[in-house]
Amino acid sequence: MTGTTAAMTSRNLRPALALAALAAAVLAHPSSAAAKRHLVTDPTGDALVPLASHDIVSADLATRGTTRVVRGKRVYTPTTLVATVTLAGSPTVPGLTVHFNDFLSSCDGGFLRFYYQAPAVVPVRDTVSALHKPPVDLNDCSPGTLTNSVGYEARVSVRGNAITWELPLATIPGKLTPGTGLFNPEVVVYQDEPATGFYTTDFVTGPANLGVDTATSEQRYVIG
């Protein structure tokens, strides 16, 4: 092999070797998306009704906040708790209701619940104040919440198959602080009466709501 041929062969091998190294690196270090572990996961196709909109895929908790430098160190302060439930289909079927429940480690029986209901044919909950249900319920075992939770407003949005709740922590001062633990998360999908959105607890004689899919986890999430 001549010197020229050897040099050309070496140059030709370099891209191939680089690609091989890159492939090995990708296999050894999967992308963050591929490695993401959801707080709750659920097999698709296990809902009691053959509707993708009622089939739970996953649920997650996260925070958004601000970062500042204190004595040379970056300090993160959460300002918004973000909850997300992803379904197999678009959550827009009238009467579709989703509860994302998380239990508080700070007290026995305390819980944080995120609530969503797709618009009913007759949007009763939006027009009758007595039936309006805030998208977030909190029972932190403090006086006044021992038997009833307290409702809080939050921004709720739907994008594709995902429902997202954004709860400003400032609206619940001193209750959901950095270090607060949430455990045993649970997602339940119901099908309420589609024409009005009524379910069993609205009226004693109302139609029973049907839980069509449930997903639970033993994972724990700490706000911070």
N, C-alpha and C. Protein backbone atom coordinates (compact mmCIF):
# COMPACT_ATOMS: atom_id res chain seq x y z
N MET A 1 0.86 -1.19 0.00
CA MET A 1 0.00 0.00 0.00
C MET A 1 0.89 1.23 0.00
N THR A 2 0.67 2.15 -0.92
CA THR A 2 1.50 3.34 -1.01
C THR A 2 1.17 4.29 0.12
N GLY A 3 2.05 5.31 0.32
CA GLY A 3 1.80 6.29 1.36
C GLY A 3 0.53 7.08 1.09
N THR A 4 0.27 7.40 -0.19
CA THR A 4 -0.92 8.18 -0.55
C THR A 4 -2.18 7.38 -0.27
N THR A 5 -2.15 6.08 -0.68
CA THR A 5 -3.31 5.22 -0.45
C THR A 5 -3.59 5.05 1.03
N ALA A 6 -2.52 4.87 1.82
CA ALA A 6 -2.69 4.70 3.26
C ALA A 6 -3.29 5.94 3.89
N ALA A 7 -2.85 7.13 3.44
CA ALA A 7 -3.36 8.38 4.00
C ALA A 7 -4.85 8.54 3.67
N MET A 8 -5.22 8.18 2.40
CA MET A 8 -6.62 8.30 2.00
C MET A 8 -7.50 7.35 2.81
N THR A 9 -6.96 6.10 3.01
CA THR A 9 -7.71 5.13 3.78
C THR A 9 -7.92 5.60 5.21
N SER A 10 -6.88 6.22 5.78
CA SER A 10 -6.98 6.72 7.14
C SER A 10 -8.01 7.83 7.24
N ARG A 11 -8.01 8.73 6.22
CA ARG A 11 -8.98 9.82 6.23
C ARG A 11 -10.40 9.28 6.08
N ASN A 12 -10.56 8.21 5.27
CA ASN A 12 -11.88 7.64 5.07
C ASN A 12 -12.40 6.94 6.32
N LEU A 13 -11.49 6.41 7.12
CA LEU A 13 -11.89 5.69 8.31
C LEU A 13 -12.31 6.62 9.45
N ARG A 14 -11.76 7.85 9.43
CA ARG A 14 -12.03 8.75 10.55
C ARG A 14 -13.52 9.05 10.74
N PRO A 15 -14.27 9.39 9.66
CA PRO A 15 -15.71 9.63 9.86
C PRO A 15 -16.45 8.40 10.38
N ALA A 16 -16.06 7.22 9.85
CA ALA A 16 -16.71 6.00 10.29
C ALA A 16 -16.45 5.73 11.76
N LEU A 17 -15.19 5.95 12.18
CA LEU A 17 -14.85 5.75 13.58
C LEU A 17 -15.58 6.75 14.47
N ALA A 18 -15.69 7.99 13.98
CA ALA A 18 -16.39 9.01 14.76
C ALA A 18 -17.86 8.66 14.93
N LEU A 19 -18.48 8.18 13.85
CA LEU A 19 -19.89 7.78 13.93
C LEU A 19 -20.08 6.60 14.88
N ALA A 20 -19.14 5.66 14.82
CA ALA A 20 -19.24 4.51 15.71
C ALA A 20 -19.12 4.94 17.17
N ALA A 21 -18.21 5.88 17.43
CA ALA A 21 -18.04 6.37 18.80
C ALA A 21 -19.28 7.10 19.26
N LEU A 22 -19.88 7.91 18.34
CA LEU A 22 -21.09 8.63 18.68
C LEU A 22 -22.23 7.67 19.01
N ALA A 23 -22.35 6.61 18.17
CA ALA A 23 -23.41 5.63 18.41
C ALA A 23 -23.22 4.95 19.75
N ALA A 24 -21.97 4.62 20.08
CA ALA A 24 -21.69 3.99 21.38
C ALA A 24 -22.06 4.92 22.52
N ALA A 25 -21.75 6.23 22.34
CA ALA A 25 -22.06 7.20 23.38
C ALA A 25 -23.55 7.34 23.59
N VAL A 26 -24.30 7.34 22.48
CA VAL A 26 -25.76 7.46 22.58
C VAL A 26 -26.34 6.26 23.29
N LEU A 27 -25.83 5.08 22.98
CA LEU A 27 -26.34 3.88 23.63
C LEU A 27 -25.99 3.85 25.11
N ALA A 28 -24.80 4.35 25.44
CA ALA A 28 -24.37 4.31 26.82
C ALA A 28 -25.04 5.38 27.66
N HIS A 29 -25.40 6.52 27.01
CA HIS A 29 -26.00 7.64 27.73
C HIS A 29 -27.27 8.04 27.01
N PRO A 30 -28.39 7.38 27.32
CA PRO A 30 -29.64 7.70 26.64
C PRO A 30 -30.06 9.13 26.90
N SER A 31 -30.84 9.71 25.97
CA SER A 31 -31.28 11.08 26.10
C SER A 31 -32.14 11.23 27.34
N SER A 32 -32.26 12.48 27.82
CA SER A 32 -33.04 12.73 29.03
C SER A 32 -34.50 12.34 28.82
N ALA A 33 -35.00 12.55 27.59
CA ALA A 33 -36.40 12.19 27.31
C ALA A 33 -36.60 10.69 27.44
N ALA A 34 -35.65 9.93 26.90
CA ALA A 34 -35.78 8.48 26.96
C ALA A 34 -35.62 7.98 28.39
N ALA A 35 -34.79 8.70 29.19
CA ALA A 35 -34.49 8.24 30.54
C ALA A 35 -35.50 8.75 31.57
N LYS A 36 -36.39 9.65 31.17
CA LYS A 36 -37.33 10.25 32.11
C LYS A 36 -38.20 9.18 32.76
N ARG A 37 -38.30 9.27 34.05
CA ARG A 37 -39.15 8.35 34.81
C ARG A 37 -40.36 9.12 35.31
N HIS A 38 -41.52 8.74 34.87
CA HIS A 38 -42.73 9.44 35.27
C HIS A 38 -43.08 9.09 36.71
N LEU A 39 -43.76 10.02 37.37
CA LEU A 39 -44.20 9.78 38.73
C LEU A 39 -45.23 8.65 38.77
N VAL A 40 -46.10 8.63 37.77
CA VAL A 40 -47.11 7.57 37.63
C VAL A 40 -47.11 7.11 36.18
N THR A 41 -47.14 5.82 35.96
CA THR A 41 -47.31 5.27 34.62
C THR A 41 -48.42 4.23 34.65
N ASP A 42 -49.05 4.04 33.48
CA ASP A 42 -50.15 3.09 33.41
C ASP A 42 -50.16 2.46 32.03
N PRO A 43 -50.37 1.15 31.94
CA PRO A 43 -50.42 0.50 30.63
C PRO A 43 -51.58 1.04 29.80
N THR A 44 -51.34 1.27 28.54
CA THR A 44 -52.42 1.73 27.67
C THR A 44 -53.33 0.56 27.32
N GLY A 45 -54.60 0.88 27.08
CA GLY A 45 -55.55 -0.14 26.69
C GLY A 45 -56.25 -0.83 27.83
N ASP A 46 -56.04 -0.35 29.08
CA ASP A 46 -56.66 -1.04 30.22
C ASP A 46 -57.89 -0.31 30.77
N ALA A 47 -58.32 0.77 30.11
CA ALA A 47 -59.53 1.47 30.56
C ALA A 47 -60.76 0.60 30.35
N LEU A 48 -61.80 0.87 31.14
CA LEU A 48 -63.01 0.06 31.05
C LEU A 48 -63.88 0.41 29.84
N VAL A 49 -63.55 1.49 29.18
CA VAL A 49 -64.26 1.87 27.96
C VAL A 49 -63.24 1.98 26.83
N PRO A 50 -63.62 1.64 25.61
CA PRO A 50 -62.66 1.65 24.50
C PRO A 50 -62.44 3.05 23.93
N LEU A 51 -62.05 3.98 24.82
CA LEU A 51 -61.82 5.35 24.40
C LEU A 51 -60.43 5.78 24.85
N ALA A 52 -59.61 6.22 23.91
CA ALA A 52 -58.26 6.66 24.26
C ALA A 52 -58.28 7.85 25.20
N SER A 53 -59.32 8.66 25.10
CA SER A 53 -59.44 9.85 25.95
C SER A 53 -59.59 9.50 27.43
N HIS A 54 -59.99 8.29 27.73
CA HIS A 54 -60.21 7.85 29.11
C HIS A 54 -59.10 6.92 29.60
N ASP A 55 -58.05 6.79 28.84
CA ASP A 55 -56.97 5.84 29.13
C ASP A 55 -55.74 6.59 29.64
N ILE A 56 -55.37 6.36 30.91
CA ILE A 56 -54.24 7.05 31.52
C ILE A 56 -52.92 6.52 30.96
N VAL A 57 -52.00 7.43 30.68
CA VAL A 57 -50.65 7.06 30.23
C VAL A 57 -49.63 7.37 31.33
N SER A 58 -49.65 8.60 31.85
CA SER A 58 -48.66 8.98 32.87
C SER A 58 -49.12 10.22 33.61
N ALA A 59 -48.42 10.50 34.72
CA ALA A 59 -48.66 11.71 35.49
C ALA A 59 -47.34 12.16 36.11
N ASP A 60 -47.20 13.48 36.25
CA ASP A 60 -45.94 14.03 36.76
C ASP A 60 -46.19 15.26 37.60
N LEU A 61 -45.25 15.55 38.49
CA LEU A 61 -45.20 16.78 39.25
C LEU A 61 -43.84 17.44 39.02
N ALA A 62 -43.84 18.76 38.97
CA ALA A 62 -42.60 19.51 38.80
C ALA A 62 -42.84 20.92 39.34
N THR A 63 -41.79 21.71 39.38
CA THR A 63 -41.94 23.10 39.79
C THR A 63 -41.27 24.02 38.77
N ARG A 64 -41.74 25.25 38.75
CA ARG A 64 -41.04 26.33 38.07
C ARG A 64 -40.69 27.35 39.13
N GLY A 65 -39.61 28.08 38.93
CA GLY A 65 -39.21 29.04 39.94
C GLY A 65 -38.15 30.00 39.47
N THR A 66 -37.48 30.60 40.42
CA THR A 66 -36.43 31.57 40.12
C THR A 66 -35.11 31.09 40.69
N THR A 67 -34.04 31.50 40.06
CA THR A 67 -32.69 31.14 40.52
C THR A 67 -31.88 32.42 40.72
N ARG A 68 -31.25 32.53 41.88
CA ARG A 68 -30.39 33.68 42.12
C ARG A 68 -29.08 33.20 42.75
N VAL A 69 -28.08 34.02 42.66
CA VAL A 69 -26.77 33.67 43.19
C VAL A 69 -26.62 34.28 44.57
N VAL A 70 -26.36 33.42 45.56
CA VAL A 70 -26.16 33.86 46.93
C VAL A 70 -24.79 33.37 47.40
N ARG A 71 -23.90 34.31 47.68
CA ARG A 71 -22.54 33.97 48.12
C ARG A 71 -21.86 33.00 47.16
N GLY A 72 -22.07 33.27 45.89
CA GLY A 72 -21.40 32.47 44.87
C GLY A 72 -22.10 31.17 44.53
N LYS A 73 -23.22 30.88 45.17
CA LYS A 73 -23.95 29.65 44.90
C LYS A 73 -25.32 29.96 44.30
N ARG A 74 -25.74 29.13 43.36
CA ARG A 74 -27.04 29.30 42.74
C ARG A 74 -28.12 28.71 43.65
N VAL A 75 -29.10 29.52 43.99
CA VAL A 75 -30.18 29.10 44.89
C VAL A 75 -31.50 29.13 44.12
N TYR A 76 -32.17 27.99 44.06
CA TYR A 76 -33.44 27.87 43.34
C TYR A 76 -34.60 27.98 44.31
N THR A 77 -35.59 28.80 43.97
CA THR A 77 -36.78 28.95 44.79
C THR A 77 -38.00 28.62 43.94
N PRO A 78 -38.71 27.54 44.26
CA PRO A 78 -39.91 27.19 43.47
C PRO A 78 -41.01 28.21 43.71
N THR A 79 -41.71 28.59 42.65
CA THR A 79 -42.82 29.54 42.76
C THR A 79 -44.13 28.95 42.26
N THR A 80 -44.06 27.91 41.43
CA THR A 80 -45.26 27.32 40.85
C THR A 80 -45.14 25.81 40.85
N LEU A 81 -46.17 25.14 41.35
CA LEU A 81 -46.24 23.68 41.28
C LEU A 81 -46.99 23.30 40.01
N VAL A 82 -46.38 22.47 39.19
CA VAL A 82 -46.95 22.09 37.90
C VAL A 82 -47.27 20.60 37.91
N ALA A 83 -48.54 20.27 37.70
CA ALA A 83 -48.98 18.88 37.62
C ALA A 83 -49.44 18.59 36.20
N THR A 84 -49.10 17.41 35.72
CA THR A 84 -49.46 17.03 34.35
C THR A 84 -49.97 15.60 34.33
N VAL A 85 -51.10 15.39 33.67
CA VAL A 85 -51.63 14.05 33.41
C VAL A 85 -51.74 13.90 31.90
N THR A 86 -51.16 12.82 31.39
CA THR A 86 -51.21 12.54 29.96
C THR A 86 -52.09 11.32 29.72
N LEU A 87 -53.02 11.47 28.79
CA LEU A 87 -53.93 10.39 28.42
C LEU A 87 -53.57 9.89 27.03
N ALA A 88 -54.16 8.78 26.63
CA ALA A 88 -53.87 8.21 25.32
C ALA A 88 -54.56 8.98 24.20
N GLY A 89 -55.57 9.78 24.54
CA GLY A 89 -56.30 10.56 23.56
C GLY A 89 -56.62 11.93 24.12
N SER A 90 -57.18 12.79 23.31
CA SER A 90 -57.49 14.15 23.72
C SER A 90 -58.57 14.16 24.82
N PRO A 91 -58.33 14.88 25.92
CA PRO A 91 -59.28 14.88 27.05
C PRO A 91 -60.41 15.90 26.85
N THR A 92 -61.13 15.77 25.77
CA THR A 92 -62.17 16.76 25.45
C THR A 92 -63.56 16.16 25.34
N VAL A 93 -63.73 14.88 25.64
CA VAL A 93 -65.04 14.25 25.58
C VAL A 93 -65.92 14.82 26.68
N PRO A 94 -67.11 15.35 26.38
CA PRO A 94 -67.98 15.92 27.41
C PRO A 94 -68.23 14.94 28.56
N GLY A 95 -68.05 15.44 29.78
CA GLY A 95 -68.26 14.59 30.96
C GLY A 95 -67.00 13.90 31.45
N LEU A 96 -65.92 13.93 30.67
CA LEU A 96 -64.66 13.33 31.11
C LEU A 96 -64.13 14.11 32.31
N THR A 97 -63.82 13.41 33.39
CA THR A 97 -63.33 14.04 34.61
C THR A 97 -62.07 13.32 35.07
N VAL A 98 -61.07 14.09 35.48
CA VAL A 98 -59.79 13.53 35.92
C VAL A 98 -59.46 14.07 37.31
N HIS A 99 -59.10 13.16 38.21
CA HIS A 99 -58.59 13.52 39.54
C HIS A 99 -57.13 13.04 39.62
N PHE A 100 -56.24 13.93 40.01
CA PHE A 100 -54.84 13.57 40.27
C PHE A 100 -54.61 13.84 41.74
N ASN A 101 -54.55 12.76 42.53
CA ASN A 101 -54.48 12.86 43.99
C ASN A 101 -53.06 12.57 44.48
N ASP A 102 -52.61 13.38 45.43
CA ASP A 102 -51.31 13.17 46.07
C ASP A 102 -51.50 13.36 47.57
N PHE A 103 -50.92 12.47 48.35
CA PHE A 103 -51.10 12.51 49.79
C PHE A 103 -49.93 13.22 50.46
N LEU A 104 -50.24 14.00 51.49
CA LEU A 104 -49.22 14.80 52.18
C LEU A 104 -48.50 13.97 53.23
N SER A 105 -47.19 14.08 53.25
CA SER A 105 -46.42 13.37 54.27
C SER A 105 -46.46 14.10 55.60
N SER A 106 -46.93 15.36 55.58
CA SER A 106 -46.91 16.17 56.80
C SER A 106 -48.05 15.86 57.75
N CYS A 107 -49.11 15.19 57.28
CA CYS A 107 -50.21 14.87 58.18
C CYS A 107 -50.95 13.64 57.69
N ASP A 108 -51.52 12.89 58.62
CA ASP A 108 -52.25 11.67 58.30
C ASP A 108 -53.61 12.03 57.70
N GLY A 109 -53.86 11.62 56.47
CA GLY A 109 -55.12 11.90 55.82
C GLY A 109 -55.11 13.15 54.97
N GLY A 110 -54.05 13.92 55.01
CA GLY A 110 -53.97 15.12 54.20
C GLY A 110 -53.72 14.79 52.73
N PHE A 111 -54.22 15.62 51.85
CA PHE A 111 -54.04 15.34 50.42
C PHE A 111 -54.09 16.62 49.61
N LEU A 112 -53.53 16.52 48.42
CA LEU A 112 -53.60 17.57 47.41
C LEU A 112 -54.21 16.94 46.17
N ARG A 113 -55.30 17.55 45.66
CA ARG A 113 -56.00 16.96 44.52
C ARG A 113 -56.12 17.99 43.39
N PHE A 114 -55.73 17.55 42.19
CA PHE A 114 -55.91 18.36 40.99
C PHE A 114 -57.14 17.82 40.25
N TYR A 115 -58.01 18.72 39.85
CA TYR A 115 -59.30 18.33 39.27
C TYR A 115 -59.48 18.94 37.89
N TYR A 116 -59.98 18.13 36.96
CA TYR A 116 -60.28 18.62 35.60
C TYR A 116 -61.55 17.96 35.11
N GLN A 117 -62.40 18.76 34.46
CA GLN A 117 -63.57 18.20 33.80
C GLN A 117 -63.71 18.84 32.42
N ALA A 118 -63.84 17.98 31.39
CA ALA A 118 -64.06 18.49 30.04
C ALA A 118 -65.39 19.22 30.00
N PRO A 119 -65.49 20.27 29.18
CA PRO A 119 -66.75 21.03 29.12
C PRO A 119 -67.94 20.14 28.79
N ALA A 120 -69.00 20.29 29.58
CA ALA A 120 -70.22 19.55 29.33
C ALA A 120 -71.02 20.25 28.23
N VAL A 121 -72.00 19.55 27.71
CA VAL A 121 -72.86 20.14 26.69
C VAL A 121 -73.53 21.39 27.25
N VAL A 122 -74.00 21.31 28.50
CA VAL A 122 -74.53 22.46 29.23
C VAL A 122 -73.54 22.76 30.35
N PRO A 123 -72.73 23.81 30.23
CA PRO A 123 -71.64 24.04 31.20
C PRO A 123 -72.15 24.51 32.55
N VAL A 124 -72.81 23.58 33.27
CA VAL A 124 -73.42 23.93 34.56
C VAL A 124 -72.38 24.45 35.54
N ARG A 125 -71.25 23.80 35.63
CA ARG A 125 -70.26 24.19 36.63
C ARG A 125 -69.73 25.60 36.40
N ASP A 126 -69.77 26.08 35.18
CA ASP A 126 -69.27 27.41 34.89
C ASP A 126 -70.33 28.48 35.12
N THR A 127 -71.60 28.12 35.12
CA THR A 127 -72.66 29.12 35.20
C THR A 127 -73.36 29.15 36.55
N VAL A 128 -73.22 28.12 37.33
CA VAL A 128 -73.85 28.08 38.65
C VAL A 128 -72.74 28.08 39.70
N SER A 129 -72.61 29.21 40.39
CA SER A 129 -71.48 29.37 41.30
C SER A 129 -71.47 28.31 42.39
N ALA A 130 -72.65 27.87 42.82
CA ALA A 130 -72.73 26.89 43.90
C ALA A 130 -72.12 25.55 43.49
N LEU A 131 -72.06 25.30 42.19
CA LEU A 131 -71.54 24.02 41.71
C LEU A 131 -70.13 24.14 41.15
N HIS A 132 -69.58 25.36 41.18
CA HIS A 132 -68.22 25.52 40.65
C HIS A 132 -67.23 24.78 41.54
N LYS A 133 -66.39 23.99 40.93
CA LYS A 133 -65.40 23.22 41.68
C LYS A 133 -64.01 23.73 41.32
N PRO A 134 -63.28 24.33 42.26
CA PRO A 134 -61.93 24.81 41.95
C PRO A 134 -61.05 23.65 41.48
N PRO A 135 -60.08 23.94 40.64
CA PRO A 135 -59.25 22.87 40.07
C PRO A 135 -58.24 22.25 41.03
N VAL A 136 -58.10 22.83 42.24
CA VAL A 136 -57.16 22.26 43.21
C VAL A 136 -57.85 22.21 44.57
N ASP A 137 -57.76 21.06 45.24
CA ASP A 137 -58.24 20.88 46.61
C ASP A 137 -57.05 20.55 47.50
N LEU A 138 -57.04 21.15 48.70
CA LEU A 138 -55.97 20.85 49.66
C LEU A 138 -56.58 20.60 51.03
N ASN A 139 -56.17 19.48 51.62
CA ASN A 139 -56.50 19.19 53.02
C ASN A 139 -55.16 18.95 53.72
N ASP A 140 -54.73 19.92 54.51
CA ASP A 140 -53.43 19.81 55.18
C ASP A 140 -53.59 19.57 56.67
N CYS A 141 -54.77 19.11 57.09
CA CYS A 141 -55.06 18.76 58.48
C CYS A 141 -55.08 19.97 59.41
N SER A 142 -55.11 21.17 58.87
CA SER A 142 -55.20 22.36 59.70
C SER A 142 -56.65 22.61 60.07
N PRO A 143 -56.93 23.41 61.09
CA PRO A 143 -58.33 23.69 61.46
C PRO A 143 -59.13 24.20 60.27
N GLY A 144 -60.28 23.62 60.07
CA GLY A 144 -61.11 24.00 58.94
C GLY A 144 -60.99 23.05 57.77
N THR A 145 -59.94 22.21 57.78
CA THR A 145 -59.78 21.25 56.68
C THR A 145 -59.77 19.81 57.20
N LEU A 146 -60.09 19.61 58.47
CA LEU A 146 -60.05 18.26 59.03
C LEU A 146 -61.07 17.35 58.35
N THR A 147 -62.21 17.92 57.99
CA THR A 147 -63.24 17.11 57.35
C THR A 147 -63.51 17.55 55.91
N ASN A 148 -63.14 18.78 55.58
CA ASN A 148 -63.38 19.29 54.23
C ASN A 148 -62.11 19.94 53.69
N SER A 149 -61.83 19.69 52.44
CA SER A 149 -60.68 20.32 51.82
C SER A 149 -61.03 21.75 51.43
N VAL A 150 -60.00 22.55 51.16
CA VAL A 150 -60.17 23.93 50.74
C VAL A 150 -59.79 24.04 49.27
N GLY A 151 -60.64 24.68 48.47
CA GLY A 151 -60.38 24.79 47.05
C GLY A 151 -59.54 26.01 46.70
N TYR A 152 -58.68 25.85 45.70
CA TYR A 152 -57.84 26.95 45.23
C TYR A 152 -57.89 27.00 43.71
N GLU A 153 -57.78 28.20 43.19
CA GLU A 153 -57.77 28.37 41.75
C GLU A 153 -56.37 28.12 41.19
N ALA A 154 -56.32 27.61 39.99
CA ALA A 154 -55.06 27.36 39.30
C ALA A 154 -55.31 27.46 37.80
N ARG A 155 -54.25 27.68 37.06
CA ARG A 155 -54.38 27.73 35.61
C ARG A 155 -54.39 26.30 35.07
N VAL A 156 -55.43 25.96 34.32
CA VAL A 156 -55.56 24.62 33.75
C VAL A 156 -55.55 24.75 32.22
N SER A 157 -54.72 23.96 31.58
CA SER A 157 -54.63 24.01 30.12
C SER A 157 -54.57 22.60 29.55
N VAL A 158 -55.01 22.47 28.32
CA VAL A 158 -54.97 21.20 27.60
C VAL A 158 -54.16 21.41 26.33
N ARG A 159 -53.18 20.57 26.15
CA ARG A 159 -52.36 20.61 24.93
C ARG A 159 -52.16 19.19 24.44
N GLY A 160 -52.77 18.89 23.29
CA GLY A 160 -52.71 17.52 22.80
C GLY A 160 -53.46 16.61 23.75
N ASN A 161 -52.77 15.60 24.26
CA ASN A 161 -53.39 14.63 25.17
C ASN A 161 -53.08 14.92 26.64
N ALA A 162 -52.44 16.05 26.90
CA ALA A 162 -51.98 16.35 28.26
C ALA A 162 -52.81 17.45 28.91
N ILE A 163 -53.12 17.23 30.19
CA ILE A 163 -53.77 18.25 31.03
C ILE A 163 -52.71 18.78 31.99
N THR A 164 -52.61 20.11 32.09
CA THR A 164 -51.60 20.71 32.96
C THR A 164 -52.26 21.70 33.91
N TRP A 165 -51.90 21.57 35.18
CA TRP A 165 -52.34 22.51 36.21
C TRP A 165 -51.12 23.31 36.67
N GLU A 166 -51.26 24.62 36.77
CA GLU A 166 -50.18 25.47 37.27
C GLU A 166 -50.68 26.19 38.51
N LEU A 167 -50.16 25.81 39.66
CA LEU A 167 -50.61 26.33 40.95
C LEU A 167 -49.54 27.24 41.54
N PRO A 168 -49.78 28.56 41.58
CA PRO A 168 -48.81 29.46 42.23
C PRO A 168 -48.73 29.14 43.72
N LEU A 169 -47.55 28.85 44.20
CA LEU A 169 -47.40 28.48 45.61
C LEU A 169 -47.73 29.64 46.54
N ALA A 170 -47.67 30.86 46.03
CA ALA A 170 -47.99 32.03 46.85
C ALA A 170 -49.46 32.08 47.23
N THR A 171 -50.30 31.36 46.48
CA THR A 171 -51.73 31.35 46.82
C THR A 171 -52.02 30.46 48.02
N ILE A 172 -51.05 29.63 48.41
CA ILE A 172 -51.21 28.75 49.58
C ILE A 172 -50.01 28.98 50.49
N PRO A 173 -49.85 30.17 51.04
CA PRO A 173 -48.64 30.47 51.81
C PRO A 173 -48.47 29.57 53.02
N GLY A 174 -47.26 29.05 53.16
CA GLY A 174 -46.92 28.24 54.32
C GLY A 174 -47.43 26.82 54.31
N LYS A 175 -48.13 26.42 53.25
CA LYS A 175 -48.71 25.08 53.23
C LYS A 175 -47.97 24.13 52.28
N LEU A 176 -47.63 24.59 51.09
CA LEU A 176 -46.85 23.79 50.15
C LEU A 176 -45.51 24.49 49.96
N THR A 177 -44.58 24.20 50.85
CA THR A 177 -43.29 24.87 50.87
C THR A 177 -42.20 23.91 50.40
N PRO A 178 -41.02 24.42 50.04
CA PRO A 178 -39.91 23.53 49.68
C PRO A 178 -39.66 22.51 50.78
N GLY A 179 -39.56 21.26 50.38
CA GLY A 179 -39.38 20.18 51.33
C GLY A 179 -40.66 19.42 51.64
N THR A 180 -41.82 19.97 51.23
CA THR A 180 -43.08 19.26 51.45
C THR A 180 -43.11 17.99 50.60
N GLY A 181 -43.42 16.87 51.22
CA GLY A 181 -43.45 15.60 50.52
C GLY A 181 -44.85 15.22 50.09
N LEU A 182 -44.97 14.72 48.87
CA LEU A 182 -46.22 14.19 48.34
C LEU A 182 -45.98 12.73 47.96
N PHE A 183 -46.84 11.83 48.41
CA PHE A 183 -46.56 10.42 48.18
C PHE A 183 -47.82 9.68 47.72
N ASN A 184 -47.61 8.44 47.28
CA ASN A 184 -48.69 7.58 46.78
C ASN A 184 -49.61 8.30 45.79
N PRO A 185 -49.06 8.88 44.73
CA PRO A 185 -49.90 9.57 43.75
C PRO A 185 -50.88 8.62 43.07
N GLU A 186 -52.04 9.15 42.73
CA GLU A 186 -53.11 8.35 42.13
C GLU A 186 -53.85 9.20 41.10
N VAL A 187 -54.11 8.62 39.94
CA VAL A 187 -54.89 9.28 38.91
C VAL A 187 -56.14 8.44 38.65
N VAL A 188 -57.30 9.09 38.65
CA VAL A 188 -58.55 8.41 38.37
C VAL A 188 -59.29 9.17 37.28
N VAL A 189 -59.74 8.45 36.28
CA VAL A 189 -60.54 9.03 35.20
C VAL A 189 -61.99 8.57 35.37
N TYR A 190 -62.90 9.52 35.36
CA TYR A 190 -64.33 9.23 35.49
C TYR A 190 -65.05 9.65 34.21
N GLN A 191 -66.23 9.09 34.02
CA GLN A 191 -67.14 9.58 33.00
C GLN A 191 -68.42 10.04 33.69
N ASP A 192 -68.59 11.35 33.77
CA ASP A 192 -69.79 11.90 34.38
C ASP A 192 -70.89 12.02 33.34
N GLU A 193 -72.08 12.40 33.78
CA GLU A 193 -73.21 12.59 32.88
C GLU A 193 -72.84 13.68 31.87
N PRO A 194 -72.73 13.36 30.59
CA PRO A 194 -72.13 14.29 29.63
C PRO A 194 -72.93 15.53 29.32
N ALA A 195 -74.25 15.48 29.49
CA ALA A 195 -75.05 16.64 29.10
C ALA A 195 -74.85 17.82 30.05
N THR A 196 -74.69 17.53 31.34
CA THR A 196 -74.59 18.61 32.32
C THR A 196 -73.30 18.58 33.13
N GLY A 197 -72.64 17.44 33.20
CA GLY A 197 -71.46 17.31 34.05
C GLY A 197 -71.79 16.93 35.47
N PHE A 198 -73.06 16.68 35.78
CA PHE A 198 -73.41 16.26 37.13
C PHE A 198 -72.84 14.88 37.44
N TYR A 199 -72.47 14.67 38.68
CA TYR A 199 -72.12 13.33 39.11
C TYR A 199 -72.70 13.09 40.50
N THR A 200 -72.43 11.94 41.05
CA THR A 200 -73.16 11.48 42.23
C THR A 200 -73.20 12.50 43.36
N THR A 201 -72.11 13.17 43.64
CA THR A 201 -72.07 14.06 44.78
C THR A 201 -72.77 15.39 44.53
N ASP A 202 -73.21 15.68 43.31
CA ASP A 202 -73.97 16.90 43.06
C ASP A 202 -75.38 16.77 43.59
N PHE A 203 -76.03 15.67 43.29
CA PHE A 203 -77.39 15.40 43.77
C PHE A 203 -77.46 13.93 44.18
N VAL A 204 -78.16 13.67 45.26
CA VAL A 204 -78.27 12.30 45.75
C VAL A 204 -78.89 11.41 44.68
N THR A 205 -79.82 11.97 43.92
CA THR A 205 -80.51 11.16 42.91
C THR A 205 -79.82 11.21 41.55
N GLY A 206 -78.67 11.88 41.48
CA GLY A 206 -77.98 12.01 40.19
C GLY A 206 -77.40 10.69 39.74
N PRO A 207 -77.03 10.62 38.47
CA PRO A 207 -76.45 9.39 37.93
C PRO A 207 -75.09 9.10 38.55
N ALA A 208 -74.84 7.86 38.81
CA ALA A 208 -73.56 7.49 39.42
C ALA A 208 -72.42 7.73 38.44
N ASN A 209 -71.32 8.29 38.96
CA ASN A 209 -70.16 8.49 38.09
C ASN A 209 -69.39 7.18 37.96
N LEU A 210 -68.79 6.98 36.82
CA LEU A 210 -68.13 5.72 36.52
C LEU A 210 -66.62 5.93 36.43
N GLY A 211 -65.87 5.29 37.36
CA GLY A 211 -64.42 5.31 37.27
C GLY A 211 -63.97 4.32 36.22
N VAL A 212 -63.39 4.82 35.14
CA VAL A 212 -63.07 3.95 34.02
C VAL A 212 -61.59 3.60 33.91
N ASP A 213 -60.74 4.33 34.62
CA ASP A 213 -59.32 3.95 34.62
C ASP A 213 -58.66 4.56 35.86
N THR A 214 -57.76 3.80 36.45
CA THR A 214 -57.05 4.23 37.65
C THR A 214 -55.59 3.84 37.53
N ALA A 215 -54.72 4.73 38.00
CA ALA A 215 -53.29 4.44 38.00
C ALA A 215 -52.71 4.95 39.31
N THR A 216 -51.89 4.12 39.97
CA THR A 216 -51.29 4.51 41.24
C THR A 216 -49.78 4.26 41.19
N SER A 217 -49.09 4.82 42.18
CA SER A 217 -47.65 4.66 42.26
C SER A 217 -47.22 4.76 43.70
N GLU A 218 -46.10 4.14 44.04
CA GLU A 218 -45.53 4.25 45.39
C GLU A 218 -44.41 5.27 45.42
N GLN A 219 -44.23 6.00 44.34
CA GLN A 219 -43.17 7.00 44.30
C GLN A 219 -43.53 8.20 45.16
N ARG A 220 -42.53 8.98 45.47
CA ARG A 220 -42.66 10.17 46.33
C ARG A 220 -42.07 11.36 45.59
N TYR A 221 -42.72 12.51 45.76
CA TYR A 221 -42.22 13.74 45.18
C TYR A 221 -42.04 14.78 46.27
N VAL A 222 -40.90 15.45 46.27
CA VAL A 222 -40.63 16.49 47.25
C VAL A 222 -40.54 17.83 46.53
N ILE A 223 -41.34 18.79 46.98
CA ILE A 223 -41.30 20.12 46.37
C ILE A 223 -39.96 20.76 46.65
N GLY A 224 -39.34 21.28 45.62
CA GLY A 224 -38.04 21.92 45.80
C GLY A 224 -37.36 22.15 44.49
